[in-house]
Amino acid sequence: MKNQDKMALSSKYKSLVNKPKTKRGQITLDKLIKSAEKNFLANGFYNTTINNITHDAGVGLGTFYVYFDEKLSIYKYLLSQYSYQIRKQIAINVGATKDRKEAEKIGLKSFLDYIKENPHIYHIIWESLYIDQKLFVDYYTEFANSYIVALDEAFKNGQIKKYDNEVVAYMLMGVSNFIGLRWIIFDDVKDFSKIVDEAIEVLDKGLFTDK
């Protein structure tokens, strides 16, 4: 992950949560986050109350306000965590790849692996479209901007053809998201290898014939 990405995420975290200074405080914060995630998934953002979150976390109502200003703050924090965790996992796994084609293959597999372990994030992320459209737009815009940087670098290194890399970034993000929907949410597939290979072959060899 690029340094500027880390700095932006760090700044965003600081604006959303009062970070604990002790190990015990971190444990409490983790309980609140886990409870919020559980409740948002089960009941949706609007039907979840702060009391629901603190009750399931096993802490007093006032404890919530030690860490967050409002319910929306903990929801935004979850979105930031998802963005950071997905991008971090992909960045780690593609770090040693030799070219962009291999990076796309490993990156797609990494994304699917993360989604398989955390399928609930689709529900929580996409609900943001109805809570505040800007949250939804910002989530995917941040993702795309990071992707564009990598694609620009790949073009400079002669690894991809010249296209509008914003279009390419959103196209590839769409591929990842909808493959995840089809083979994880719609049908819980255990092995993504053939699916990933097929997707990369389409990118590599193209979809259309000369006819």
Protein backbone atom coordinates (compact mmCIF):
# COMPACT_ATOMS: atom_id res chain seq x y z
CA MET A 1 0.00 0.00 0.00
CA LYS A 2 1.21 3.46 -0.88
CA ASN A 3 2.34 5.75 1.95
CA GLN A 4 -0.26 8.37 1.03
CA ASP A 5 -2.97 5.71 1.37
CA LYS A 6 -1.76 4.84 4.86
CA MET A 7 -1.66 8.50 5.87
CA ALA A 8 -5.17 9.12 4.54
CA LEU A 9 -6.56 6.08 6.32
CA SER A 10 -4.78 7.00 9.54
CA SER A 11 -6.23 10.51 9.38
CA LYS A 12 -9.70 9.13 8.69
CA TYR A 13 -9.51 6.75 11.64
CA LYS A 14 -8.52 9.57 13.98
CA SER A 15 -11.50 11.66 12.91
CA LEU A 16 -13.97 8.83 13.50
CA VAL A 17 -12.86 7.26 16.77
CA ASN A 18 -11.20 8.25 20.01
CA LYS A 19 -8.44 5.67 20.05
CA PRO A 20 -7.91 3.94 23.42
CA LYS A 21 -4.63 4.40 25.24
CA THR A 22 -4.70 1.10 27.12
CA LYS A 23 -4.98 -2.57 26.21
CA ARG A 24 -8.22 -2.81 28.17
CA GLY A 25 -9.61 0.13 26.25
CA GLN A 26 -8.72 -1.52 22.95
CA ILE A 27 -10.54 -4.69 24.02
CA THR A 28 -13.63 -2.60 24.78
CA LEU A 29 -13.40 -0.81 21.44
CA ASP A 30 -13.06 -4.14 19.62
CA LYS A 31 -16.20 -5.41 21.38
CA LEU A 32 -18.15 -2.34 20.28
CA ILE A 33 -16.99 -2.70 16.68
CA LYS A 34 -17.82 -6.42 16.57
CA SER A 35 -21.24 -5.76 18.08
CA ALA A 36 -21.97 -2.91 15.67
CA GLU A 37 -21.02 -5.10 12.74
CA LYS A 38 -23.28 -7.89 13.98
CA ASN A 39 -26.23 -5.57 14.53
CA PHE A 40 -25.85 -3.66 11.26
CA LEU A 41 -25.80 -6.97 9.41
CA ALA A 42 -28.81 -8.42 11.22
CA ASN A 43 -30.99 -5.33 11.52
CA GLY A 44 -29.60 -2.71 9.17
CA PHE A 45 -28.22 0.68 10.13
CA TYR A 46 -31.53 2.43 10.80
CA ASN A 47 -33.00 -0.37 12.91
CA THR A 48 -29.88 -0.63 15.07
CA THR A 49 -29.64 1.56 18.16
CA ILE A 50 -26.61 2.49 20.20
CA ASN A 51 -28.24 0.62 23.06
CA ASN A 52 -28.32 -2.53 20.89
CA ILE A 53 -24.61 -2.14 20.23
CA THR A 54 -23.57 -1.56 23.83
CA HIS A 55 -25.88 -4.27 25.17
CA ASP A 56 -24.43 -6.93 22.87
CA ALA A 57 -20.92 -5.67 23.59
CA GLY A 58 -21.55 -6.06 27.31
CA VAL A 59 -20.75 -2.45 28.18
CA GLY A 60 -22.70 0.53 29.48
CA LEU A 61 -24.41 2.98 27.15
CA GLY A 62 -22.06 5.79 28.15
CA THR A 63 -19.04 3.72 27.14
CA PHE A 64 -20.02 4.11 23.50
CA TYR A 65 -19.50 7.86 23.68
CA VAL A 66 -16.00 7.41 25.05
CA TYR A 67 -15.02 6.17 21.58
CA PHE A 68 -17.62 7.48 19.11
CA ASP A 69 -19.69 10.64 18.76
CA GLU A 70 -22.69 8.95 17.16
CA LYS A 71 -23.90 5.77 15.50
CA LEU A 72 -22.86 7.02 12.07
CA SER A 73 -19.27 7.37 13.29
CA ILE A 74 -18.92 3.68 14.10
CA TYR A 75 -20.54 2.79 10.78
CA LYS A 76 -18.05 4.98 8.90
CA TYR A 77 -15.26 3.41 10.93
CA LEU A 78 -16.35 -0.04 9.77
CA LEU A 79 -16.29 1.11 6.13
CA SER A 80 -12.79 2.51 6.62
CA GLN A 81 -11.65 -0.75 8.18
CA TYR A 82 -13.01 -2.81 5.29
CA SER A 83 -11.29 -0.59 2.74
CA TYR A 84 -8.01 -0.72 4.61
CA GLN A 85 -8.08 -4.47 5.29
CA ILE A 86 -8.97 -5.46 1.72
CA ARG A 87 -6.35 -3.19 0.17
CA LYS A 88 -3.75 -4.27 2.70
CA GLN A 89 -4.33 -7.97 2.02
CA ILE A 90 -4.16 -7.43 -1.73
CA ALA A 91 -1.03 -5.26 -1.44
CA ILE A 92 0.77 -7.87 0.66
CA ASN A 93 -0.10 -10.70 -1.72
CA VAL A 94 0.77 -8.88 -4.95
CA GLY A 95 3.96 -7.36 -3.57
CA ALA A 96 6.24 -10.00 -5.07
CA THR A 97 4.46 -10.41 -8.40
CA LYS A 98 6.52 -9.97 -11.57
CA ASP A 99 4.02 -8.06 -13.72
CA ARG A 100 0.53 -6.56 -13.83
CA LYS A 101 -1.11 -9.70 -15.23
CA GLU A 102 0.13 -11.76 -12.31
CA ALA A 103 -0.81 -8.95 -9.92
CA GLU A 104 -4.38 -8.93 -11.26
CA LYS A 105 -4.65 -12.69 -10.84
CA ILE A 106 -3.29 -12.70 -7.29
CA GLY A 107 -5.27 -9.57 -6.45
CA LEU A 108 -8.55 -11.10 -7.60
CA LYS A 109 -7.87 -14.28 -5.64
CA SER A 110 -6.95 -12.23 -2.55
CA PHE A 111 -10.17 -10.21 -2.80
CA LEU A 112 -12.28 -13.35 -3.13
CA ASP A 113 -10.50 -15.00 -0.21
CA TYR A 114 -11.18 -11.96 1.96
CA ILE A 115 -14.84 -11.81 0.93
CA LYS A 116 -15.27 -15.52 1.60
CA GLU A 117 -14.05 -14.97 5.16
CA ASN A 118 -16.14 -11.79 5.54
CA PRO A 119 -19.22 -12.11 3.29
CA HIS A 120 -21.19 -9.71 5.49
CA ILE A 121 -19.23 -6.73 4.21
CA TYR A 122 -21.25 -6.67 0.99
CA HIS A 123 -24.40 -5.99 3.02
CA ILE A 124 -22.83 -3.32 5.20
CA ILE A 125 -20.93 -1.52 2.43
CA TRP A 126 -23.83 -1.46 -0.02
CA GLU A 127 -26.27 -0.24 2.63
CA SER A 128 -24.21 2.95 2.72
CA LEU A 129 -25.84 3.88 -0.62
CA TYR A 130 -29.12 4.35 1.27
CA ILE A 131 -27.64 5.88 4.42
CA ASP A 132 -25.57 8.56 2.71
CA GLN A 133 -24.74 8.22 -0.98
CA LYS A 134 -21.48 10.11 -0.45
CA LEU A 135 -20.23 7.29 1.79
CA PHE A 136 -20.83 4.78 -1.00
CA VAL A 137 -19.22 7.02 -3.61
CA ASP A 138 -16.21 7.79 -1.40
CA TYR A 139 -15.65 4.12 -0.57
CA TYR A 140 -15.34 3.07 -4.20
CA THR A 141 -13.63 6.27 -5.33
CA GLU A 142 -10.82 5.69 -2.81
CA PHE A 143 -10.50 2.13 -4.02
CA ALA A 144 -10.42 3.21 -7.65
CA ASN A 145 -7.87 5.97 -7.05
CA SER A 146 -5.47 3.46 -5.51
CA TYR A 147 -6.08 1.11 -8.45
CA ILE A 148 -5.42 3.87 -10.99
CA VAL A 149 -2.00 4.55 -9.47
CA ALA A 150 -1.05 0.89 -9.92
CA LEU A 151 -2.36 0.83 -13.49
CA ASP A 152 -0.50 4.02 -14.40
CA GLU A 153 2.70 2.45 -13.09
CA ALA A 154 2.05 -0.73 -15.08
CA PHE A 155 1.59 1.33 -18.25
CA LYS A 156 4.85 3.19 -17.66
CA ASN A 157 6.56 -0.19 -17.31
CA GLY A 158 5.09 -1.38 -20.61
CA GLN A 159 2.91 -4.05 -18.97
CA ILE A 160 -0.51 -2.85 -20.14
CA LYS A 161 -1.87 -1.04 -23.19
CA LYS A 162 -2.88 2.62 -23.17
CA TYR A 163 -6.48 3.12 -22.05
CA ASP A 164 -8.28 5.48 -19.72
CA ASN A 165 -7.16 3.87 -16.47
CA GLU A 166 -10.13 5.20 -14.54
CA VAL A 167 -12.39 3.19 -16.87
CA VAL A 168 -10.09 0.17 -16.51
CA ALA A 169 -10.03 0.47 -12.70
CA TYR A 170 -13.81 0.50 -12.38
CA MET A 171 -14.14 -2.31 -14.92
CA LEU A 172 -11.76 -4.51 -12.94
CA MET A 173 -13.45 -3.58 -9.65
CA GLY A 174 -16.76 -4.60 -11.21
CA VAL A 175 -15.30 -7.94 -12.25
CA SER A 176 -14.08 -8.62 -8.71
CA ASN A 177 -17.28 -7.49 -7.00
CA PHE A 178 -19.68 -9.41 -9.21
CA ILE A 179 -17.61 -12.58 -9.30
CA GLY A 180 -17.66 -12.35 -5.50
CA LEU A 181 -21.43 -11.95 -5.52
CA ARG A 182 -22.01 -14.84 -7.90
CA TRP A 183 -19.66 -17.41 -6.39
CA ILE A 184 -19.67 -16.43 -2.72
CA ILE A 185 -23.00 -14.78 -1.91
CA PHE A 186 -25.21 -16.58 -4.46
CA ASP A 187 -23.34 -19.91 -4.32
CA ASP A 188 -20.67 -20.64 -1.72
CA VAL A 189 -17.88 -22.03 -3.91
CA LYS A 190 -14.90 -23.50 -2.06
CA ASP A 191 -12.22 -23.17 -4.74
CA PHE A 192 -11.89 -20.05 -6.90
CA SER A 193 -8.92 -21.22 -8.98
CA LYS A 194 -10.78 -22.00 -12.22
CA ILE A 195 -12.94 -18.89 -11.90
CA VAL A 196 -9.91 -16.66 -11.42
CA ASP A 197 -8.08 -18.35 -14.31
CA GLU A 198 -11.07 -17.81 -16.60
CA ALA A 199 -11.40 -14.13 -15.70
CA ILE A 200 -7.71 -13.47 -16.26
CA GLU A 201 -7.75 -15.36 -19.56
CA VAL A 202 -10.52 -13.06 -20.81
CA LEU A 203 -8.42 -10.03 -19.84
CA ASP A 204 -5.29 -11.52 -21.37
CA LYS A 205 -6.68 -12.88 -24.65
CA GLY A 206 -9.74 -10.70 -25.13
CA LEU A 207 -13.44 -11.48 -25.47
CA PHE A 208 -14.13 -10.76 -29.13
CA THR A 209 -13.24 -12.62 -32.31
CA ASP A 210 -12.30 -11.01 -35.63
CA LYS A 211 -15.71 -11.80 -37.12
